[in-house]
Amino acid sequence: MNTYTFETPRTAIALCALALTAITIGGLVVAPSMLDSGYAATTLASRTPPASVEVAISPSRIDVIAVRAPNVAWAIEDKSKPNCKPEV
């Protein structure tokens, strides 16, 4: 049986994969965390939060009343077979 031999050495492919991984992680993870937002940390910490606004909700609660029809085999009552539901 003849085995297939690669034209490109495996170390070159591994180095390319490592380089592409480093570029991806550097561009998507490290670079955004290093960028300066333009605000000092003390400026953000000393800002006061916006004033709260009171909102009136009318009606203050909603009551939902519903009856669900059984649609699974063990919940449907069969009068010909008593006690067909499993014990809960």
PDB file of N, CA and C in Angstrom:
ATOM      1  N   MET A   1       0.844  -1.165   0.000  1.00  0.00           N
ATOM      2  CA  MET A   1       0.000   0.000   0.000  1.00  0.00           C
ATOM      3  C   MET A   1       0.898   1.239   0.000  1.00  0.00           C
ATOM      4  N   ASN A   2       0.559   2.190  -0.840  1.00  0.00           N
ATOM      5  CA  ASN A   2       1.309   3.439  -0.901  1.00  0.00           C
ATOM      6  C   ASN A   2       0.698   4.444   0.071  1.00  0.00           C
ATOM      7  N   THR A   3       1.551   5.112   0.828  1.00  0.00           N
ATOM      8  CA  THR A   3       1.074   6.136   1.749  1.00  0.00           C
ATOM      9  C   THR A   3       1.261   7.506   1.118  1.00  0.00           C
ATOM     10  N   TYR A   4       0.352   8.398   1.448  1.00  0.00           N
ATOM     11  CA  TYR A   4       0.417   9.755   0.915  1.00  0.00           C
ATOM     12  C   TYR A   4       1.416  10.562   1.729  1.00  0.00           C
ATOM     13  N   THR A   5       2.294  11.262   1.048  1.00  0.00           N
ATOM     14  CA  THR A   5       3.268  12.120   1.732  1.00  0.00           C
ATOM     15  C   THR A   5       2.922  13.572   1.425  1.00  0.00           C
ATOM     16  N   PHE A   6       2.979  14.399   2.464  1.00  0.00           N
ATOM     17  CA  PHE A   6       2.669  15.814   2.311  1.00  0.00           C
ATOM     18  C   PHE A   6       3.820  16.529   1.618  1.00  0.00           C
ATOM     19  N   GLU A   7       3.469  17.468   0.738  1.00  0.00           N
ATOM     20  CA  GLU A   7       4.488  18.299   0.101  1.00  0.00           C
ATOM     21  C   GLU A   7       5.006  19.337   1.093  1.00  0.00           C
ATOM     22  N   THR A   8       4.102  19.868   1.951  1.00  0.00           N
ATOM     23  CA  THR A   8       4.460  20.888   2.932  1.00  0.00           C
ATOM     24  C   THR A   8       4.811  20.199   4.244  1.00  0.00           C
ATOM     25  N   PRO A   9       5.929  20.594   4.841  1.00  0.00           N
ATOM     26  CA  PRO A   9       6.274  19.966   6.111  1.00  0.00           C
ATOM     27  C   PRO A   9       5.258  20.315   7.205  1.00  0.00           C
ATOM     28  N   ARG A  10       5.054  19.398   8.142  1.00  0.00           N
ATOM     29  CA  ARG A  10       4.067  19.591   9.200  1.00  0.00           C
ATOM     30  C   ARG A  10       4.429  20.748  10.123  1.00  0.00           C
ATOM     31  N   THR A  11       5.693  20.993  10.323  1.00  0.00           N
ATOM     32  CA  THR A  11       6.092  22.090  11.208  1.00  0.00           C
ATOM     33  C   THR A  11       5.686  23.437  10.621  1.00  0.00           C
ATOM     34  N   ALA A  12       5.744  23.593   9.301  1.00  0.00           N
ATOM     35  CA  ALA A  12       5.334  24.848   8.676  1.00  0.00           C
ATOM     36  C   ALA A  12       3.830  25.079   8.861  1.00  0.00           C
ATOM     37  N   ILE A  13       3.050  24.032   8.717  1.00  0.00           N
ATOM     38  CA  ILE A  13       1.608  24.158   8.912  1.00  0.00           C
ATOM     39  C   ILE A  13       1.299  24.478  10.366  1.00  0.00           C
ATOM     40  N   ALA A  14       2.006  23.851  11.307  1.00  0.00           N
ATOM     41  CA  ALA A  14       1.792  24.115  12.726  1.00  0.00           C
ATOM     42  C   ALA A  14       2.159  25.554  13.080  1.00  0.00           C
ATOM     43  N   LEU A  15       3.251  26.065  12.516  1.00  0.00           N
ATOM     44  CA  LEU A  15       3.649  27.449  12.782  1.00  0.00           C
ATOM     45  C   LEU A  15       2.641  28.439  12.208  1.00  0.00           C
ATOM     46  N   CYS A  16       2.111  28.139  11.032  1.00  0.00           N
ATOM     47  CA  CYS A  16       1.076  29.010  10.458  1.00  0.00           C
ATOM     48  C   CYS A  16      -0.176  29.005  11.326  1.00  0.00           C
ATOM     49  N   ALA A  17      -0.567  27.841  11.836  1.00  0.00           N
ATOM     50  CA  ALA A  17      -1.747  27.750  12.696  1.00  0.00           C
ATOM     51  C   ALA A  17      -1.528  28.529  13.984  1.00  0.00           C
ATOM     52  N   LEU A  18      -0.353  28.429  14.577  1.00  0.00           N
ATOM     53  CA  LEU A  18      -0.052  29.175  15.792  1.00  0.00           C
ATOM     54  C   LEU A  18      -0.059  30.680  15.538  1.00  0.00           C
ATOM     55  N   ALA A  19       0.497  31.102  14.398  1.00  0.00           N
ATOM     56  CA  ALA A  19       0.522  32.523  14.068  1.00  0.00           C
ATOM     57  C   ALA A  19      -0.896  33.065  13.873  1.00  0.00           C
ATOM     58  N   LEU A  20      -1.748  32.329  13.173  1.00  0.00           N
ATOM     59  CA  LEU A  20      -3.123  32.773  12.960  1.00  0.00           C
ATOM     60  C   LEU A  20      -3.912  32.805  14.270  1.00  0.00           C
ATOM     61  N   THR A  21      -3.651  31.864  15.153  1.00  0.00           N
ATOM     62  CA  THR A  21      -4.314  31.865  16.456  1.00  0.00           C
ATOM     63  C   THR A  21      -3.885  33.069  17.276  1.00  0.00           C
ATOM     64  N   ALA A  22      -2.587  33.369  17.264  1.00  0.00           N
ATOM     65  CA  ALA A  22      -2.087  34.515  18.021  1.00  0.00           C
ATOM     66  C   ALA A  22      -2.653  35.832  17.478  1.00  0.00           C
ATOM     67  N   ILE A  23      -2.762  35.939  16.173  1.00  0.00           N
ATOM     68  CA  ILE A  23      -3.328  37.148  15.569  1.00  0.00           C
ATOM     69  C   ILE A  23      -4.796  37.297  15.944  1.00  0.00           C
ATOM     70  N   THR A  24      -5.539  36.196  15.902  1.00  0.00           N
ATOM     71  CA  THR A  24      -6.967  36.239  16.231  1.00  0.00           C
ATOM     72  C   THR A  24      -7.182  36.626  17.688  1.00  0.00           C
ATOM     73  N   ILE A  25      -6.469  35.978  18.595  1.00  0.00           N
ATOM     74  CA  ILE A  25      -6.628  36.293  20.012  1.00  0.00           C
ATOM     75  C   ILE A  25      -6.159  37.714  20.296  1.00  0.00           C
ATOM     76  N   GLY A  26      -5.059  38.115  19.699  1.00  0.00           N
ATOM     77  CA  GLY A  26      -4.558  39.468  19.909  1.00  0.00           C
ATOM     78  C   GLY A  26      -5.516  40.528  19.390  1.00  0.00           C
ATOM     79  N   GLY A  27      -6.135  40.272  18.262  1.00  0.00           N
ATOM     80  CA  GLY A  27      -7.031  41.255  17.671  1.00  0.00           C
ATOM     81  C   GLY A  27      -8.396  41.311  18.301  1.00  0.00           C
ATOM     82  N   LEU A  28      -8.886  40.184  18.798  1.00  0.00           N
ATOM     83  CA  LEU A  28     -10.248  40.149  19.325  1.00  0.00           C
ATOM     84  C   LEU A  28     -10.337  40.204  20.847  1.00  0.00           C
ATOM     85  N   VAL A  29      -9.238  39.897  21.555  1.00  0.00           N
ATOM     86  CA  VAL A  29      -9.297  39.857  23.009  1.00  0.00           C
ATOM     87  C   VAL A  29      -8.377  40.903  23.631  1.00  0.00           C
ATOM     88  N   VAL A  30      -7.123  40.872  23.280  1.00  0.00           N
ATOM     89  CA  VAL A  30      -6.133  41.718  23.946  1.00  0.00           C
ATOM     90  C   VAL A  30      -6.252  43.178  23.503  1.00  0.00           C
ATOM     91  N   ALA A  31      -6.346  43.419  22.206  1.00  0.00           N
ATOM     92  CA  ALA A  31      -6.375  44.799  21.707  1.00  0.00           C
ATOM     93  C   ALA A  31      -7.567  45.598  22.239  1.00  0.00           C
ATOM     94  N   PRO A  32      -8.785  45.074  22.221  1.00  0.00           N
ATOM     95  CA  PRO A  32      -9.896  45.874  22.765  1.00  0.00           C
ATOM     96  C   PRO A  32      -9.751  46.166  24.256  1.00  0.00           C
ATOM     97  N   SER A  33      -9.135  45.263  24.996  1.00  0.00           N
ATOM     98  CA  SER A  33      -8.973  45.527  26.425  1.00  0.00           C
ATOM     99  C   SER A  33      -7.900  46.568  26.693  1.00  0.00           C
ATOM    100  N   MET A  34      -6.992  46.768  25.767  1.00  0.00           N
ATOM    101  CA  MET A  34      -5.923  47.739  25.947  1.00  0.00           C
ATOM    102  C   MET A  34      -6.287  49.122  25.438  1.00  0.00           C
ATOM    103  N   LEU A  35      -7.335  49.231  24.641  1.00  0.00           N
ATOM    104  CA  LEU A  35      -7.700  50.527  24.082  1.00  0.00           C
ATOM    105  C   LEU A  35      -8.174  51.471  25.178  1.00  0.00           C
ATOM    106  N   ASP A  36      -7.835  52.726  25.042  1.00  0.00           N
ATOM    107  CA  ASP A  36      -8.235  53.735  26.024  1.00  0.00           C
ATOM    108  C   ASP A  36      -9.612  54.257  25.640  1.00  0.00           C
ATOM    109  N   SER A  37     -10.524  54.283  26.600  1.00  0.00           N
ATOM    110  CA  SER A  37     -11.869  54.747  26.314  1.00  0.00           C
ATOM    111  C   SER A  37     -11.960  56.268  26.309  1.00  0.00           C
ATOM    112  N   GLY A  38     -10.929  56.949  26.789  1.00  0.00           N
ATOM    113  CA  GLY A  38     -10.952  58.403  26.808  1.00  0.00           C
ATOM    114  C   GLY A  38     -11.426  58.969  28.127  1.00  0.00           C
ATOM    115  N   TYR A  39     -11.854  58.149  29.054  1.00  0.00           N
ATOM    116  CA  TYR A  39     -12.320  58.598  30.358  1.00  0.00           C
ATOM    117  C   TYR A  39     -11.380  58.070  31.430  1.00  0.00           C
ATOM    118  N   ALA A  40     -11.135  58.895  32.408  1.00  0.00           N
ATOM    119  CA  ALA A  40     -10.335  58.445  33.536  1.00  0.00           C
ATOM    120  C   ALA A  40     -11.229  57.633  34.469  1.00  0.00           C
ATOM    121  N   ALA A  41     -10.636  56.725  35.210  1.00  0.00           N
ATOM    122  CA  ALA A  41     -11.408  55.874  36.121  1.00  0.00           C
ATOM    123  C   ALA A  41     -12.083  56.702  37.200  1.00  0.00           C
ATOM    124  N   THR A  42     -11.427  57.780  37.637  1.00  0.00           N
ATOM    125  CA  THR A  42     -12.026  58.618  38.676  1.00  0.00           C
ATOM    126  C   THR A  42     -13.215  59.396  38.141  1.00  0.00           C
ATOM    127  N   THR A  43     -13.195  59.737  36.859  1.00  0.00           N
ATOM    128  CA  THR A  43     -14.313  60.463  36.271  1.00  0.00           C
ATOM    129  C   THR A  43     -15.558  59.594  36.255  1.00  0.00           C
ATOM    130  N   LEU A  44     -15.403  58.330  35.888  1.00  0.00           N
ATOM    131  CA  LEU A  44     -16.549  57.442  35.836  1.00  0.00           C
ATOM    132  C   LEU A  44     -17.067  57.123  37.230  1.00  0.00           C
ATOM    133  N   ALA A  45     -16.167  57.002  38.214  1.00  0.00           N
ATOM    134  CA  ALA A  45     -16.587  56.646  39.566  1.00  0.00           C
ATOM    135  C   ALA A  45     -17.274  57.812  40.265  1.00  0.00           C
ATOM    136  N   SER A  46     -16.918  59.044  39.919  1.00  0.00           N
ATOM    137  CA  SER A  46     -17.485  60.193  40.629  1.00  0.00           C
ATOM    138  C   SER A  46     -18.792  60.686  40.019  1.00  0.00           C
ATOM    139  N   ARG A  47     -19.182  60.180  38.888  1.00  0.00           N
ATOM    140  CA  ARG A  47     -20.442  60.609  38.285  1.00  0.00           C
ATOM    141  C   ARG A  47     -21.620  60.117  39.105  1.00  0.00           C
ATOM    142  N   THR A  48     -22.634  60.945  39.199  1.00  0.00           N
ATOM    143  CA  THR A  48     -23.838  60.542  39.916  1.00  0.00           C
ATOM    144  C   THR A  48     -24.789  59.851  38.940  1.00  0.00           C
ATOM    145  N   PRO A  49     -25.513  58.872  39.415  1.00  0.00           N
ATOM    146  CA  PRO A  49     -26.449  58.195  38.520  1.00  0.00           C
ATOM    147  C   PRO A  49     -27.608  59.119  38.174  1.00  0.00           C
ATOM    148  N   PRO A  50     -28.281  58.865  37.069  1.00  0.00           N
ATOM    149  CA  PRO A  50     -29.418  59.713  36.709  1.00  0.00           C
ATOM    150  C   PRO A  50     -30.532  59.586  37.740  1.00  0.00           C
ATOM    151  N   ALA A  51     -31.317  60.643  37.882  1.00  0.00           N
ATOM    152  CA  ALA A  51     -32.407  60.651  38.859  1.00  0.00           C
ATOM    153  C   ALA A  51     -33.447  59.601  38.483  1.00  0.00           C
ATOM    154  N   SER A  52     -33.982  58.940  39.496  1.00  0.00           N
ATOM    155  CA  SER A  52     -34.982  57.909  39.231  1.00  0.00           C
ATOM    156  C   SER A  52     -36.324  58.570  38.924  1.00  0.00           C
ATOM    157  N   VAL A  53     -37.104  57.911  38.117  1.00  0.00           N
ATOM    158  CA  VAL A  53     -38.411  58.423  37.706  1.00  0.00           C
ATOM    159  C   VAL A  53     -39.463  57.453  38.207  1.00  0.00           C
ATOM    160  N   GLU A  54     -40.468  57.975  38.889  1.00  0.00           N
ATOM    161  CA  GLU A  54     -41.539  57.120  39.381  1.00  0.00           C
ATOM    162  C   GLU A  54     -42.550  56.920  38.272  1.00  0.00           C
ATOM    163  N   VAL A  55     -42.948  55.676  38.083  1.00  0.00           N
ATOM    164  CA  VAL A  55     -43.870  55.332  37.006  1.00  0.00           C
ATOM    165  C   VAL A  55     -45.108  54.704  37.618  1.00  0.00           C
ATOM    166  N   ALA A  56     -46.275  55.144  37.181  1.00  0.00           N
ATOM    167  CA  ALA A  56     -47.529  54.558  37.649  1.00  0.00           C
ATOM    168  C   ALA A  56     -47.988  53.522  36.635  1.00  0.00           C
ATOM    169  N   ILE A  57     -48.200  52.306  37.116  1.00  0.00           N
ATOM    170  CA  ILE A  57     -48.664  51.229  36.244  1.00  0.00           C
ATOM    171  C   ILE A  57     -50.108  50.939  36.603  1.00  0.00           C
ATOM    172  N   SER A  58     -50.954  50.996  35.607  1.00  0.00           N
ATOM    173  CA  SER A  58     -52.367  50.748  35.862  1.00  0.00           C
ATOM    174  C   SER A  58     -52.848  49.691  34.889  1.00  0.00           C
ATOM    175  N   PRO A  59     -53.387  48.615  35.254  1.00  0.00           N
ATOM    176  CA  PRO A  59     -53.577  48.076  36.594  1.00  0.00           C
ATOM    177  C   PRO A  59     -52.250  47.587  37.153  1.00  0.00           C
ATOM    178  N   SER A  60     -52.176  47.590  38.462  1.00  0.00           N
ATOM    179  CA  SER A  60     -50.915  47.249  39.092  1.00  0.00           C
ATOM    180  C   SER A  60     -50.625  45.755  39.060  1.00  0.00           C
ATOM    181  N   ARG A  61     -51.611  44.930  38.788  1.00  0.00           N
ATOM    182  CA  ARG A  61     -51.350  43.505  38.650  1.00  0.00           C
ATOM    183  C   ARG A  61     -52.290  42.924  37.615  1.00  0.00           C
ATOM    184  N   ILE A  62     -51.870  41.839  37.020  1.00  0.00           N
ATOM    185  CA  ILE A  62     -52.671  41.178  35.994  1.00  0.00           C
ATOM    186  C   ILE A  62     -52.891  39.746  36.454  1.00  0.00           C
ATOM    187  N   ASP A  63     -54.140  39.348  36.573  1.00  0.00           N
ATOM    188  CA  ASP A  63     -54.481  37.981  36.960  1.00  0.00           C
ATOM    189  C   ASP A  63     -54.794  37.182  35.706  1.00  0.00           C
ATOM    190  N   VAL A  64     -54.117  36.049  35.556  1.00  0.00           N
ATOM    191  CA  VAL A  64     -54.346  35.171  34.411  1.00  0.00           C
ATOM    192  C   VAL A  64     -54.984  33.899  34.947  1.00  0.00           C
ATOM    193  N   ILE A  65     -56.155  33.586  34.460  1.00  0.00           N
ATOM    194  CA  ILE A  65     -56.869  32.389  34.877  1.00  0.00           C
ATOM    195  C   ILE A  65     -57.070  31.534  33.636  1.00  0.00           C
ATOM    196  N   ALA A  66     -56.565  30.323  33.689  1.00  0.00           N
ATOM    197  CA  ALA A  66     -56.664  29.446  32.528  1.00  0.00           C
ATOM    198  C   ALA A  66     -56.787  28.008  32.991  1.00  0.00           C
ATOM    199  N   VAL A  67     -57.401  27.204  32.174  1.00  0.00           N
ATOM    200  CA  VAL A  67     -57.500  25.774  32.411  1.00  0.00           C
ATOM    201  C   VAL A  67     -56.879  25.095  31.211  1.00  0.00           C
ATOM    202  N   ARG A  68     -55.941  24.227  31.491  1.00  0.00           N
ATOM    203  CA  ARG A  68     -55.233  23.550  30.414  1.00  0.00           C
ATOM    204  C   ARG A  68     -55.848  22.175  30.204  1.00  0.00           C
ATOM    205  N   ALA A  69     -56.182  21.897  28.972  1.00  0.00           N
ATOM    206  CA  ALA A  69     -56.735  20.590  28.644  1.00  0.00           C
ATOM    207  C   ALA A  69     -55.602  19.573  28.600  1.00  0.00           C
ATOM    208  N   PRO A  70     -55.811  18.400  29.176  1.00  0.00           N
ATOM    209  CA  PRO A  70     -54.740  17.396  29.136  1.00  0.00           C
ATOM    210  C   PRO A  70     -54.547  16.901  27.709  1.00  0.00           C
ATOM    211  N   ASN A  71     -53.295  16.871  27.275  1.00  0.00           N
ATOM    212  CA  ASN A  71     -53.030  16.423  25.911  1.00  0.00           C
ATOM    213  C   ASN A  71     -51.934  15.361  25.859  1.00  0.00           C
ATOM    214  N   VAL A  72     -51.626  14.772  27.002  1.00  0.00           N
ATOM    215  CA  VAL A  72     -50.660  13.675  27.013  1.00  0.00           C
ATOM    216  C   VAL A  72     -51.402  12.391  27.356  1.00  0.00           C
ATOM    217  N   ALA A  73     -50.868  11.272  26.942  1.00  0.00           N
ATOM    218  CA  ALA A  73     -51.583  10.005  27.052  1.00  0.00           C
ATOM    219  C   ALA A  73     -51.895   9.639  28.495  1.00  0.00           C
ATOM    220  N   TRP A  74     -51.003   9.889  29.421  1.00  0.00           N
ATOM    221  CA  TRP A  74     -51.257   9.467  30.802  1.00  0.00           C
ATOM    222  C   TRP A  74     -52.212  10.401  31.532  1.00  0.00           C
ATOM    223  N   ALA A  75     -52.492  11.597  30.987  1.00  0.00           N
ATOM    224  CA  ALA A  75     -53.381  12.532  31.658  1.00  0.00           C
ATOM    225  C   ALA A  75     -54.805  12.479  31.124  1.00  0.00           C
ATOM    226  N   ILE A  76     -55.008  11.872  29.962  1.00  0.00           N
ATOM    227  CA  ILE A  76     -56.349  11.786  29.389  1.00  0.00           C
ATOM    228  C   ILE A  76     -57.102  10.671  30.108  1.00  0.00           C
ATOM    229  N   GLU A  77     -58.281  11.010  30.575  1.00  0.00           N
ATOM    230  CA  GLU A  77     -59.069  10.019  31.305  1.00  0.00           C
ATOM    231  C   GLU A  77     -59.724   9.056  30.332  1.00  0.00           C
ATOM    232  N   ASP A  78     -59.584   7.786  30.644  1.00  0.00           N
ATOM    233  CA  ASP A  78     -60.228   6.743  29.860  1.00  0.00           C
ATOM    234  C   ASP A  78     -61.170   6.007  30.799  1.00  0.00           C
ATOM    235  N   LYS A  79     -62.451   6.142  30.579  1.00  0.00           N
ATOM    236  CA  LYS A  79     -63.442   5.567  31.495  1.00  0.00           C
ATOM    237  C   LYS A  79     -63.431   4.044  31.460  1.00  0.00           C
ATOM    238  N   SER A  80     -62.984   3.443  30.369  1.00  0.00           N
ATOM    239  CA  SER A  80     -62.979   1.986  30.303  1.00  0.00           C
ATOM    240  C   SER A  80     -61.837   1.375  31.105  1.00  0.00           C
ATOM    241  N   LYS A  81     -60.760   2.143  31.373  1.00  0.00           N
ATOM    242  CA  LYS A  81     -59.624   1.643  32.127  1.00  0.00           C
ATOM    243  C   LYS A  81     -59.451   2.495  33.377  1.00  0.00           C
ATOM    244  N   PRO A  82     -59.975   2.081  34.496  1.00  0.00           N
ATOM    245  CA  PRO A  82     -59.790   2.878  35.712  1.00  0.00           C
ATOM    246  C   PRO A  82     -58.341   2.818  36.182  1.00  0.00           C
ATOM    247  N   ASN A  83     -57.890   3.869  36.835  1.00  0.00           N
ATOM    248  CA  ASN A  83     -56.544   3.979  37.387  1.00  0.00           C
ATOM    249  C   ASN A  83     -55.456   3.815  36.323  1.00  0.00           C
ATOM    250  N   CYS A  84     -55.634   4.412  35.164  1.00  0.00           N
ATOM    251  CA  CYS A  84     -54.607   4.318  34.137  1.00  0.00           C
ATOM    252  C   CYS A  84     -53.535   5.375  34.288  1.00  0.00           C
ATOM    253  N   LYS A  85     -53.770   6.351  35.167  1.00  0.00           N
ATOM    254  CA  LYS A  85     -52.754   7.392  35.392  1.00  0.00           C
ATOM    255  C   LYS A  85     -51.712   6.895  36.374  1.00  0.00           C
ATOM    256  N   PRO A  86     -50.440   7.299  36.178  1.00  0.00           N
ATOM    257  CA  PRO A  86     -49.420   6.879  37.146  1.00  0.00           C
ATOM    258  C   PRO A  86     -49.595   7.618  38.466  1.00  0.00           C
ATOM    259  N   GLU A  87     -49.136   6.986  39.527  1.00  0.00           N
ATOM    260  CA  GLU A  87     -49.183   7.609  40.845  1.00  0.00           C
ATOM    261  C   GLU A  87     -48.174   8.729  40.893  1.00  0.00           C
ATOM    262  N   VAL A  88     -48.540   9.865  41.466  1.00  0.00           N
ATOM    263  CA  VAL A  88     -47.622  10.990  41.571  1.00  0.00           C
ATOM    264  C   VAL A  88     -47.186  11.156  43.003  1.00  0.00           C
TER     265      VAL A  88
END
